[in-house]
mmCIF file of all heavy atoms, coordinates in Angstrom:
data_MODEL
# 
_entry.id   MODEL 
# 
loop_
_atom_site.group_PDB 
_atom_site.id 
_atom_site.type_symbol 
_atom_site.label_atom_id 
_atom_site.label_alt_id 
_atom_site.label_comp_id 
_atom_site.label_asym_id 
_atom_site.label_entity_id 
_atom_site.label_seq_id 
_atom_site.pdbx_PDB_ins_code 
_atom_site.Cartn_x 
_atom_site.Cartn_y 
_atom_site.Cartn_z 
_atom_site.occupancy 
_atom_site.B_iso_or_equiv 
_atom_site.pdbx_formal_charge 
_atom_site.auth_seq_id 
_atom_site.auth_comp_id 
_atom_site.auth_asym_id 
_atom_site.auth_atom_id 
_atom_site.pdbx_PDB_model_num 
ATOM 1   N N   . SER A 1 1  ? -12.017 52.122 -72.560 1.00 0.00 ? 1  SER A N   1 
ATOM 2   C CA  . SER A 1 1  ? -10.769 52.793 -72.205 1.00 0.00 ? 1  SER A CA  1 
ATOM 3   C C   . SER A 1 1  ? -9.582  52.389 -73.081 1.00 0.00 ? 1  SER A C   1 
ATOM 4   O O   . SER A 1 1  ? -8.565  53.088 -73.095 1.00 0.00 ? 1  SER A O   1 
ATOM 5   C CB  . SER A 1 1  ? -10.433 52.526 -70.737 1.00 0.00 ? 1  SER A CB  1 
ATOM 6   O OG  . SER A 1 1  ? -10.300 51.134 -70.510 1.00 0.00 ? 1  SER A OG  1 
ATOM 7   N N   . VAL A 1 2  ? -9.699  51.276 -73.809 1.00 0.00 ? 2  VAL A N   1 
ATOM 8   C CA  . VAL A 1 2  ? -8.568  50.811 -74.618 1.00 0.00 ? 2  VAL A CA  1 
ATOM 9   C C   . VAL A 1 2  ? -8.888  50.739 -76.101 1.00 0.00 ? 2  VAL A C   1 
ATOM 10  O O   . VAL A 1 2  ? -8.010  50.412 -76.911 1.00 0.00 ? 2  VAL A O   1 
ATOM 11  C CB  . VAL A 1 2  ? -8.050  49.437 -74.132 1.00 0.00 ? 2  VAL A CB  1 
ATOM 12  C CG1 . VAL A 1 2  ? -7.721  49.486 -72.646 1.00 0.00 ? 2  VAL A CG1 1 
ATOM 13  C CG2 . VAL A 1 2  ? -9.040  48.330 -74.443 1.00 0.00 ? 2  VAL A CG2 1 
ATOM 14  N N   . LYS A 1 3  ? -10.120 51.038 -76.471 1.00 0.00 ? 3  LYS A N   1 
ATOM 15  C CA  . LYS A 1 3  ? -10.499 50.975 -77.888 1.00 0.00 ? 3  LYS A CA  1 
ATOM 16  C C   . LYS A 1 3  ? -9.625  51.897 -78.720 1.00 0.00 ? 3  LYS A C   1 
ATOM 17  O O   . LYS A 1 3  ? -9.375  53.039 -78.345 1.00 0.00 ? 3  LYS A O   1 
ATOM 18  C CB  . LYS A 1 3  ? -11.972 51.362 -78.058 1.00 0.00 ? 3  LYS A CB  1 
ATOM 19  C CG  . LYS A 1 3  ? -12.943 50.252 -77.751 1.00 0.00 ? 3  LYS A CG  1 
ATOM 20  C CD  . LYS A 1 3  ? -14.385 50.707 -77.947 1.00 0.00 ? 3  LYS A CD  1 
ATOM 21  C CE  . LYS A 1 3  ? -15.345 49.581 -77.601 1.00 0.00 ? 3  LYS A CE  1 
ATOM 22  N NZ  . LYS A 1 3  ? -16.761 50.026 -77.683 1.00 0.00 ? 3  LYS A NZ  1 
ATOM 23  N N   . GLY A 1 4  ? -9.177  51.366 -79.854 1.00 0.00 ? 4  GLY A N   1 
ATOM 24  C CA  . GLY A 1 4  ? -8.326  52.141 -80.739 1.00 0.00 ? 4  GLY A CA  1 
ATOM 25  C C   . GLY A 1 4  ? -6.855  52.093 -80.376 1.00 0.00 ? 4  GLY A C   1 
ATOM 26  O O   . GLY A 1 4  ? -6.011  52.543 -81.155 1.00 0.00 ? 4  GLY A O   1 
ATOM 27  N N   . ARG A 1 5  ? -6.536  51.563 -79.184 1.00 0.00 ? 5  ARG A N   1 
ATOM 28  C CA  . ARG A 1 5  ? -5.138  51.481 -78.754 1.00 0.00 ? 5  ARG A CA  1 
ATOM 29  C C   . ARG A 1 5  ? -4.658  50.043 -78.603 1.00 0.00 ? 5  ARG A C   1 
ATOM 30  O O   . ARG A 1 5  ? -3.486  49.755 -78.836 1.00 0.00 ? 5  ARG A O   1 
ATOM 31  C CB  . ARG A 1 5  ? -4.953  52.211 -77.416 1.00 0.00 ? 5  ARG A CB  1 
ATOM 32  C CG  . ARG A 1 5  ? -5.324  53.671 -77.452 1.00 0.00 ? 5  ARG A CG  1 
ATOM 33  C CD  . ARG A 1 5  ? -4.935  54.378 -76.156 1.00 0.00 ? 5  ARG A CD  1 
ATOM 34  N NE  . ARG A 1 5  ? -5.632  53.848 -74.988 1.00 0.00 ? 5  ARG A NE  1 
ATOM 35  C CZ  . ARG A 1 5  ? -5.024  53.334 -73.923 1.00 0.00 ? 5  ARG A CZ  1 
ATOM 36  N NH1 . ARG A 1 5  ? -3.710  53.283 -73.866 1.00 0.00 ? 5  ARG A NH1 1 
ATOM 37  N NH2 . ARG A 1 5  ? -5.727  52.897 -72.894 1.00 0.00 ? 5  ARG A NH2 1 
ATOM 38  N N   . PHE A 1 6  ? -5.545  49.157 -78.192 1.00 0.00 ? 6  PHE A N   1 
ATOM 39  C CA  . PHE A 1 6  ? -5.186  47.760 -77.959 1.00 0.00 ? 6  PHE A CA  1 
ATOM 40  C C   . PHE A 1 6  ? -5.803  46.891 -79.056 1.00 0.00 ? 6  PHE A C   1 
ATOM 41  O O   . PHE A 1 6  ? -6.881  47.208 -79.583 1.00 0.00 ? 6  PHE A O   1 
ATOM 42  C CB  . PHE A 1 6  ? -5.707  47.281 -76.610 1.00 0.00 ? 6  PHE A CB  1 
ATOM 43  C CG  . PHE A 1 6  ? -5.029  47.874 -75.399 1.00 0.00 ? 6  PHE A CG  1 
ATOM 44  C CD1 . PHE A 1 6  ? -4.162  48.956 -75.503 1.00 0.00 ? 6  PHE A CD1 1 
ATOM 45  C CD2 . PHE A 1 6  ? -5.265  47.339 -74.142 1.00 0.00 ? 6  PHE A CD2 1 
ATOM 46  C CE1 . PHE A 1 6  ? -3.536  49.487 -74.389 1.00 0.00 ? 6  PHE A CE1 1 
ATOM 47  C CE2 . PHE A 1 6  ? -4.650  47.859 -73.016 1.00 0.00 ? 6  PHE A CE2 1 
ATOM 48  C CZ  . PHE A 1 6  ? -3.796  48.936 -73.139 1.00 0.00 ? 6  PHE A CZ  1 
ATOM 49  N N   . ALA A 1 7  ? -5.138  45.785 -79.358 1.00 0.00 ? 7  ALA A N   1 
ATOM 50  C CA  . ALA A 1 7  ? -5.660  44.837 -80.332 1.00 0.00 ? 7  ALA A CA  1 
ATOM 51  C C   . ALA A 1 7  ? -5.381  43.416 -79.854 1.00 0.00 ? 7  ALA A C   1 
ATOM 52  O O   . ALA A 1 7  ? -4.232  43.088 -79.520 1.00 0.00 ? 7  ALA A O   1 
ATOM 53  C CB  . ALA A 1 7  ? -5.044  45.072 -81.706 1.00 0.00 ? 7  ALA A CB  1 
ATOM 54  N N   . ILE A 1 8  ? -6.412  42.583 -79.841 1.00 0.00 ? 8  ILE A N   1 
ATOM 55  C CA  . ILE A 1 8  ? -6.274  41.190 -79.442 1.00 0.00 ? 8  ILE A CA  1 
ATOM 56  C C   . ILE A 1 8  ? -6.256  40.326 -80.703 1.00 0.00 ? 8  ILE A C   1 
ATOM 57  O O   . ILE A 1 8  ? -6.963  40.616 -81.681 1.00 0.00 ? 8  ILE A O   1 
ATOM 58  C CB  . ILE A 1 8  ? -7.418  40.777 -78.487 1.00 0.00 ? 8  ILE A CB  1 
ATOM 59  C CG1 . ILE A 1 8  ? -7.143  39.435 -77.833 1.00 0.00 ? 8  ILE A CG1 1 
ATOM 60  C CG2 . ILE A 1 8  ? -8.759  40.789 -79.214 1.00 0.00 ? 8  ILE A CG2 1 
ATOM 61  C CD1 . ILE A 1 8  ? -8.138  39.096 -76.704 1.00 0.00 ? 8  ILE A CD1 1 
ATOM 62  N N   . SER A 1 9  ? -5.445  39.280 -80.687 1.00 0.00 ? 9  SER A N   1 
ATOM 63  C CA  . SER A 1 9  ? -5.352  38.421 -81.867 1.00 0.00 ? 9  SER A CA  1 
ATOM 64  C C   . SER A 1 9  ? -4.944  37.017 -81.449 1.00 0.00 ? 9  SER A C   1 
ATOM 65  O O   . SER A 1 9  ? -4.451  36.801 -80.340 1.00 0.00 ? 9  SER A O   1 
ATOM 66  C CB  . SER A 1 9  ? -4.345  38.988 -82.867 1.00 0.00 ? 9  SER A CB  1 
ATOM 67  O OG  . SER A 1 9  ? -3.042  39.024 -82.301 1.00 0.00 ? 9  SER A OG  1 
ATOM 68  N N   . ARG A 1 10 ? -5.148  36.081 -82.361 1.00 0.00 ? 10 ARG A N   1 
ATOM 69  C CA  . ARG A 1 10 ? -4.787  34.680 -82.123 1.00 0.00 ? 10 ARG A CA  1 
ATOM 70  C C   . ARG A 1 10 ? -3.699  34.232 -83.094 1.00 0.00 ? 10 ARG A C   1 
ATOM 71  O O   . ARG A 1 10 ? -3.676  34.662 -84.243 1.00 0.00 ? 10 ARG A O   1 
ATOM 72  C CB  . ARG A 1 10 ? -5.996  33.760 -82.357 1.00 0.00 ? 10 ARG A CB  1 
ATOM 73  C CG  . ARG A 1 10 ? -7.144  33.911 -81.405 1.00 0.00 ? 10 ARG A CG  1 
ATOM 74  C CD  . ARG A 1 10 ? -8.214  32.880 -81.756 1.00 0.00 ? 10 ARG A CD  1 
ATOM 75  N NE  . ARG A 1 10 ? -9.364  32.925 -80.875 1.00 0.00 ? 10 ARG A NE  1 
ATOM 76  C CZ  . ARG A 1 10 ? -9.451  32.278 -79.734 1.00 0.00 ? 10 ARG A CZ  1 
ATOM 77  N NH1 . ARG A 1 10 ? -8.442  31.521 -79.344 1.00 0.00 ? 10 ARG A NH1 1 
ATOM 78  N NH2 . ARG A 1 10 ? -10.532 32.367 -78.992 1.00 0.00 ? 10 ARG A NH2 1 
ATOM 79  N N   . ASP A 1 11 ? -2.863  33.343 -82.642 1.00 0.00 ? 11 ASP A N   1 
ATOM 80  C CA  . ASP A 1 11 ? -1.972  32.572 -83.505 1.00 0.00 ? 11 ASP A CA  1 
ATOM 81  C C   . ASP A 1 11 ? -2.234  31.110 -83.164 1.00 0.00 ? 11 ASP A C   1 
ATOM 82  O O   . ASP A 1 11 ? -1.711  30.587 -82.174 1.00 0.00 ? 11 ASP A O   1 
ATOM 83  C CB  . ASP A 1 11 ? -0.511  32.943 -83.274 1.00 0.00 ? 11 ASP A CB  1 
ATOM 84  C CG  . ASP A 1 11 ? 0.430   32.224 -84.245 1.00 0.00 ? 11 ASP A CG  1 
ATOM 85  O OD1 . ASP A 1 11 ? 0.082   31.106 -84.702 1.00 0.00 ? 11 ASP A OD1 1 
ATOM 86  O OD2 . ASP A 1 11 ? 1.500   32.773 -84.534 1.00 0.00 ? 11 ASP A OD2 1 
ATOM 87  N N   . ASN A 1 12 ? -3.077  30.463 -83.958 1.00 0.00 ? 12 ASN A N   1 
ATOM 88  C CA  . ASN A 1 12 ? -3.481  29.101 -83.633 1.00 0.00 ? 12 ASN A CA  1 
ATOM 89  C C   . ASN A 1 12 ? -2.335  28.102 -83.806 1.00 0.00 ? 12 ASN A C   1 
ATOM 90  O O   . ASN A 1 12 ? -2.335  27.053 -83.158 1.00 0.00 ? 12 ASN A O   1 
ATOM 91  C CB  . ASN A 1 12 ? -4.675  28.694 -84.481 1.00 0.00 ? 12 ASN A CB  1 
ATOM 92  C CG  . ASN A 1 12 ? -5.917  29.484 -84.128 1.00 0.00 ? 12 ASN A CG  1 
ATOM 93  O OD1 . ASN A 1 12 ? -6.077  29.940 -82.988 1.00 0.00 ? 12 ASN A OD1 1 
ATOM 94  N ND2 . ASN A 1 12 ? -6.794  29.670 -85.100 1.00 0.00 ? 12 ASN A ND2 1 
ATOM 95  N N   . VAL A 1 13 ? -1.385  28.401 -84.649 1.00 0.00 ? 13 VAL A N   1 
ATOM 96  C CA  . VAL A 1 13 ? -0.223  27.523 -84.801 1.00 0.00 ? 13 VAL A CA  1 
ATOM 97  C C   . VAL A 1 13 ? 0.580   27.492 -83.505 1.00 0.00 ? 13 VAL A C   1 
ATOM 98  O O   . VAL A 1 13 ? 1.024   26.441 -83.042 1.00 0.00 ? 13 VAL A O   1 
ATOM 99  C CB  . VAL A 1 13 ? 0.654   27.972 -85.976 1.00 0.00 ? 13 VAL A CB  1 
ATOM 100 C CG1 . VAL A 1 13 ? 1.940   27.165 -86.030 1.00 0.00 ? 13 VAL A CG1 1 
ATOM 101 C CG2 . VAL A 1 13 ? -0.127  27.852 -87.286 1.00 0.00 ? 13 VAL A CG2 1 
ATOM 102 N N   . LYS A 1 14 ? 0.727   28.651 -82.904 1.00 0.00 ? 14 LYS A N   1 
ATOM 103 C CA  . LYS A 1 14 ? 1.488   28.748 -81.653 1.00 0.00 ? 14 LYS A CA  1 
ATOM 104 C C   . LYS A 1 14 ? 0.602   28.552 -80.425 1.00 0.00 ? 14 LYS A C   1 
ATOM 105 O O   . LYS A 1 14 ? 1.089   28.572 -79.297 1.00 0.00 ? 14 LYS A O   1 
ATOM 106 C CB  . LYS A 1 14 ? 2.190   30.101 -81.571 1.00 0.00 ? 14 LYS A CB  1 
ATOM 107 C CG  . LYS A 1 14 ? 3.258   30.286 -82.644 1.00 0.00 ? 14 LYS A CG  1 
ATOM 108 C CD  . LYS A 1 14 ? 3.993   31.614 -82.464 1.00 0.00 ? 14 LYS A CD  1 
ATOM 109 C CE  . LYS A 1 14 ? 5.088   31.765 -83.500 1.00 0.00 ? 14 LYS A CE  1 
ATOM 110 N NZ  . LYS A 1 14 ? 5.818   33.052 -83.362 1.00 0.00 ? 14 LYS A NZ  1 
ATOM 111 N N   . ASN A 1 15 ? -0.716  28.381 -80.651 1.00 0.00 ? 15 ASN A N   1 
ATOM 112 C CA  . ASN A 1 15 ? -1.652  28.216 -79.541 1.00 0.00 ? 15 ASN A CA  1 
ATOM 113 C C   . ASN A 1 15 ? -1.507  29.361 -78.533 1.00 0.00 ? 15 ASN A C   1 
ATOM 114 O O   . ASN A 1 15 ? -1.430  29.144 -77.315 1.00 0.00 ? 15 ASN A O   1 
ATOM 115 C CB  . ASN A 1 15 ? -1.442  26.859 -78.852 1.00 0.00 ? 15 ASN A CB  1 
ATOM 116 C CG  . ASN A 1 15 ? -2.659  26.386 -78.093 1.00 0.00 ? 15 ASN A CG  1 
ATOM 117 O OD1 . ASN A 1 15 ? -3.781  26.805 -78.372 1.00 0.00 ? 15 ASN A OD1 1 
ATOM 118 N ND2 . ASN A 1 15 ? -2.439  25.507 -77.123 1.00 0.00 ? 15 ASN A ND2 1 
ATOM 119 N N   . THR A 1 16 ? -1.495  30.547 -79.076 1.00 0.00 ? 16 THR A N   1 
ATOM 120 C CA  . THR A 1 16 ? -1.212  31.747 -78.273 1.00 0.00 ? 16 THR A CA  1 
ATOM 121 C C   . THR A 1 16 ? -2.168  32.860 -78.671 1.00 0.00 ? 16 THR A C   1 
ATOM 122 O O   . THR A 1 16 ? -2.538  32.983 -79.846 1.00 0.00 ? 16 THR A O   1 
ATOM 123 C CB  . THR A 1 16 ? 0.239   32.203 -78.494 1.00 0.00 ? 16 THR A CB  1 
ATOM 124 O OG1 . THR A 1 16 ? 1.133   31.156 -78.078 1.00 0.00 ? 16 THR A OG1 1 
ATOM 125 C CG2 . THR A 1 16 ? 0.559   33.461 -77.705 1.00 0.00 ? 16 THR A CG2 1 
ATOM 126 N N   . VAL A 1 17 ? -2.573  33.639 -77.689 1.00 0.00 ? 17 VAL A N   1 
ATOM 127 C CA  . VAL A 1 17 ? -3.348  34.856 -77.924 1.00 0.00 ? 17 VAL A CA  1 
ATOM 128 C C   . VAL A 1 17 ? -2.502  36.036 -77.483 1.00 0.00 ? 17 VAL A C   1 
ATOM 129 O O   . VAL A 1 17 ? -1.834  35.979 -76.449 1.00 0.00 ? 17 VAL A O   1 
ATOM 130 C CB  . VAL A 1 17 ? -4.683  34.821 -77.156 1.00 0.00 ? 17 VAL A CB  1 
ATOM 131 C CG1 . VAL A 1 17 ? -5.375  36.171 -77.191 1.00 0.00 ? 17 VAL A CG1 1 
ATOM 132 C CG2 . VAL A 1 17 ? -5.599  33.752 -77.745 1.00 0.00 ? 17 VAL A CG2 1 
ATOM 133 N N   . TYR A 1 18 ? -2.545  37.090 -78.275 1.00 0.00 ? 18 TYR A N   1 
ATOM 134 C CA  . TYR A 1 18 ? -1.739  38.274 -78.004 1.00 0.00 ? 18 TYR A CA  1 
ATOM 135 C C   . TYR A 1 18 ? -2.624  39.472 -77.670 1.00 0.00 ? 18 TYR A C   1 
ATOM 136 O O   . TYR A 1 18 ? -3.772  39.546 -78.105 1.00 0.00 ? 18 TYR A O   1 
ATOM 137 C CB  . TYR A 1 18 ? -0.883  38.627 -79.219 1.00 0.00 ? 18 TYR A CB  1 
ATOM 138 C CG  . TYR A 1 18 ? 0.061   37.535 -79.644 1.00 0.00 ? 18 TYR A CG  1 
ATOM 139 C CD1 . TYR A 1 18 ? -0.238  36.702 -80.712 1.00 0.00 ? 18 TYR A CD1 1 
ATOM 140 C CD2 . TYR A 1 18 ? 1.253   37.337 -78.967 1.00 0.00 ? 18 TYR A CD2 1 
ATOM 141 C CE1 . TYR A 1 18 ? 0.626   35.696 -81.109 1.00 0.00 ? 18 TYR A CE1 1 
ATOM 142 C CE2 . TYR A 1 18 ? 2.129   36.334 -79.347 1.00 0.00 ? 18 TYR A CE2 1 
ATOM 143 C CZ  . TYR A 1 18 ? 1.806   35.519 -80.419 1.00 0.00 ? 18 TYR A CZ  1 
ATOM 144 O OH  . TYR A 1 18 ? 2.671   34.525 -80.802 1.00 0.00 ? 18 TYR A OH  1 
ATOM 145 N N   . LEU A 1 19 ? -2.063  40.384 -76.931 1.00 0.00 ? 19 LEU A N   1 
ATOM 146 C CA  . LEU A 1 19 ? -2.679  41.687 -76.720 1.00 0.00 ? 19 LEU A CA  1 
ATOM 147 C C   . LEU A 1 19 ? -1.630  42.738 -77.071 1.00 0.00 ? 19 LEU A C   1 
ATOM 148 O O   . LEU A 1 19 ? -0.657  42.923 -76.319 1.00 0.00 ? 19 LEU A O   1 
ATOM 149 C CB  . LEU A 1 19 ? -3.161  41.869 -75.285 1.00 0.00 ? 19 LEU A CB  1 
ATOM 150 C CG  . LEU A 1 19 ? -3.913  43.182 -75.031 1.00 0.00 ? 19 LEU A CG  1 
ATOM 151 C CD1 . LEU A 1 19 ? -5.265  43.173 -75.757 1.00 0.00 ? 19 LEU A CD1 1 
ATOM 152 C CD2 . LEU A 1 19 ? -4.122  43.409 -73.528 1.00 0.00 ? 19 LEU A CD2 1 
ATOM 153 N N   . GLN A 1 20 ? -1.797  43.356 -78.223 1.00 0.00 ? 20 GLN A N   1 
ATOM 154 C CA  . GLN A 1 20 ? -0.911  44.435 -78.625 1.00 0.00 ? 20 GLN A CA  1 
ATOM 155 C C   . GLN A 1 20 ? -1.415  45.726 -78.000 1.00 0.00 ? 20 GLN A C   1 
ATOM 156 O O   . GLN A 1 20 ? -2.564  46.111 -78.208 1.00 0.00 ? 20 GLN A O   1 
ATOM 157 C CB  . GLN A 1 20 ? -0.884  44.572 -80.148 1.00 0.00 ? 20 GLN A CB  1 
ATOM 158 C CG  . GLN A 1 20 ? -0.016  45.708 -80.661 1.00 0.00 ? 20 GLN A CG  1 
ATOM 159 C CD  . GLN A 1 20 ? 1.461   45.489 -80.396 1.00 0.00 ? 20 GLN A CD  1 
ATOM 160 O OE1 . GLN A 1 20 ? 1.968   44.377 -80.584 1.00 0.00 ? 20 GLN A OE1 1 
ATOM 161 N NE2 . GLN A 1 20 ? 2.158   46.528 -79.959 1.00 0.00 ? 20 GLN A NE2 1 
ATOM 162 N N   . MET A 1 21 ? -0.565  46.369 -77.237 1.00 0.00 ? 21 MET A N   1 
ATOM 163 C CA  . MET A 1 21 ? -0.952  47.582 -76.521 1.00 0.00 ? 21 MET A CA  1 
ATOM 164 C C   . MET A 1 21 ? -0.111  48.737 -77.030 1.00 0.00 ? 21 MET A C   1 
ATOM 165 O O   . MET A 1 21 ? 1.112   48.737 -76.875 1.00 0.00 ? 21 MET A O   1 
ATOM 166 C CB  . MET A 1 21 ? -0.750  47.396 -75.017 1.00 0.00 ? 21 MET A CB  1 
ATOM 167 C CG  . MET A 1 21 ? -1.453  46.170 -74.447 1.00 0.00 ? 21 MET A CG  1 
ATOM 168 S SD  . MET A 1 21 ? -1.406  46.096 -72.647 1.00 0.00 ? 21 MET A SD  1 
ATOM 169 C CE  . MET A 1 21 ? 0.343   45.983 -72.354 1.00 0.00 ? 21 MET A CE  1 
ATOM 170 N N   . ASN A 1 22 ? -0.758  49.704 -77.644 1.00 0.00 ? 22 ASN A N   1 
ATOM 171 C CA  . ASN A 1 22 ? -0.087  50.883 -78.182 1.00 0.00 ? 22 ASN A CA  1 
ATOM 172 C C   . ASN A 1 22 ? -0.561  52.135 -77.446 1.00 0.00 ? 22 ASN A C   1 
ATOM 173 O O   . ASN A 1 22 ? -1.577  52.114 -76.754 1.00 0.00 ? 22 ASN A O   1 
ATOM 174 C CB  . ASN A 1 22 ? -0.381  51.013 -79.674 1.00 0.00 ? 22 ASN A CB  1 
ATOM 175 C CG  . ASN A 1 22 ? 0.102   49.831 -80.487 1.00 0.00 ? 22 ASN A CG  1 
ATOM 176 O OD1 . ASN A 1 22 ? 1.139   49.238 -80.178 1.00 0.00 ? 22 ASN A OD1 1 
ATOM 177 N ND2 . ASN A 1 22 ? -0.649  49.470 -81.512 1.00 0.00 ? 22 ASN A ND2 1 
ATOM 178 N N   . SER A 1 23 ? 0.183   53.209 -77.629 1.00 0.00 ? 23 SER A N   1 
ATOM 179 C CA  . SER A 1 23 ? -0.172  54.504 -77.018 1.00 0.00 ? 23 SER A CA  1 
ATOM 180 C C   . SER A 1 23 ? -0.493  54.334 -75.533 1.00 0.00 ? 23 SER A C   1 
ATOM 181 O O   . SER A 1 23 ? -1.508  54.829 -75.044 1.00 0.00 ? 23 SER A O   1 
ATOM 182 C CB  . SER A 1 23 ? -1.364  55.125 -77.758 1.00 0.00 ? 23 SER A CB  1 
ATOM 183 O OG  . SER A 1 23 ? -1.065  55.305 -79.130 1.00 0.00 ? 23 SER A OG  1 
ATOM 184 N N   . LEU A 1 24 ? 0.370   53.640 -74.842 1.00 0.00 ? 24 LEU A N   1 
ATOM 185 C CA  . LEU A 1 24 ? 0.113   53.334 -73.444 1.00 0.00 ? 24 LEU A CA  1 
ATOM 186 C C   . LEU A 1 24 ? 0.094   54.595 -72.590 1.00 0.00 ? 24 LEU A C   1 
ATOM 187 O O   . LEU A 1 24 ? 0.829   55.562 -72.842 1.00 0.00 ? 24 LEU A O   1 
ATOM 188 C CB  . LEU A 1 24 ? 1.161   52.356 -72.920 1.00 0.00 ? 24 LEU A CB  1 
ATOM 189 C CG  . LEU A 1 24 ? 0.913   50.906 -73.366 1.00 0.00 ? 24 LEU A CG  1 
ATOM 190 C CD1 . LEU A 1 24 ? 2.176   50.074 -73.225 1.00 0.00 ? 24 LEU A CD1 1 
ATOM 191 C CD2 . LEU A 1 24 ? -0.221  50.295 -72.569 1.00 0.00 ? 24 LEU A CD2 1 
ATOM 192 N N   . LYS A 1 25 ? -0.774  54.561 -71.589 1.00 0.00 ? 25 LYS A N   1 
ATOM 193 C CA  . LYS A 1 25 ? -0.963  55.679 -70.675 1.00 0.00 ? 25 LYS A CA  1 
ATOM 194 C C   . LYS A 1 25 ? -0.649  55.225 -69.253 1.00 0.00 ? 25 LYS A C   1 
ATOM 195 O O   . LYS A 1 25 ? -0.742  54.034 -68.949 1.00 0.00 ? 25 LYS A O   1 
ATOM 196 C CB  . LYS A 1 25 ? -2.414  56.155 -70.733 1.00 0.00 ? 25 LYS A CB  1 
ATOM 197 C CG  . LYS A 1 25 ? -2.898  56.546 -72.114 1.00 0.00 ? 25 LYS A CG  1 
ATOM 198 C CD  . LYS A 1 25 ? -4.374  56.888 -72.077 1.00 0.00 ? 25 LYS A CD  1 
ATOM 199 C CE  . LYS A 1 25 ? -4.899  57.268 -73.451 1.00 0.00 ? 25 LYS A CE  1 
ATOM 200 N NZ  . LYS A 1 25 ? -6.340  57.608 -73.418 1.00 0.00 ? 25 LYS A NZ  1 
# 
């Protein structure tokens, strides 16, 4: 349901994981 719209990524320096959510429904 989120493929192509959401992207997960890491920033190991900040010890943080992000979820970028685009084209939200």
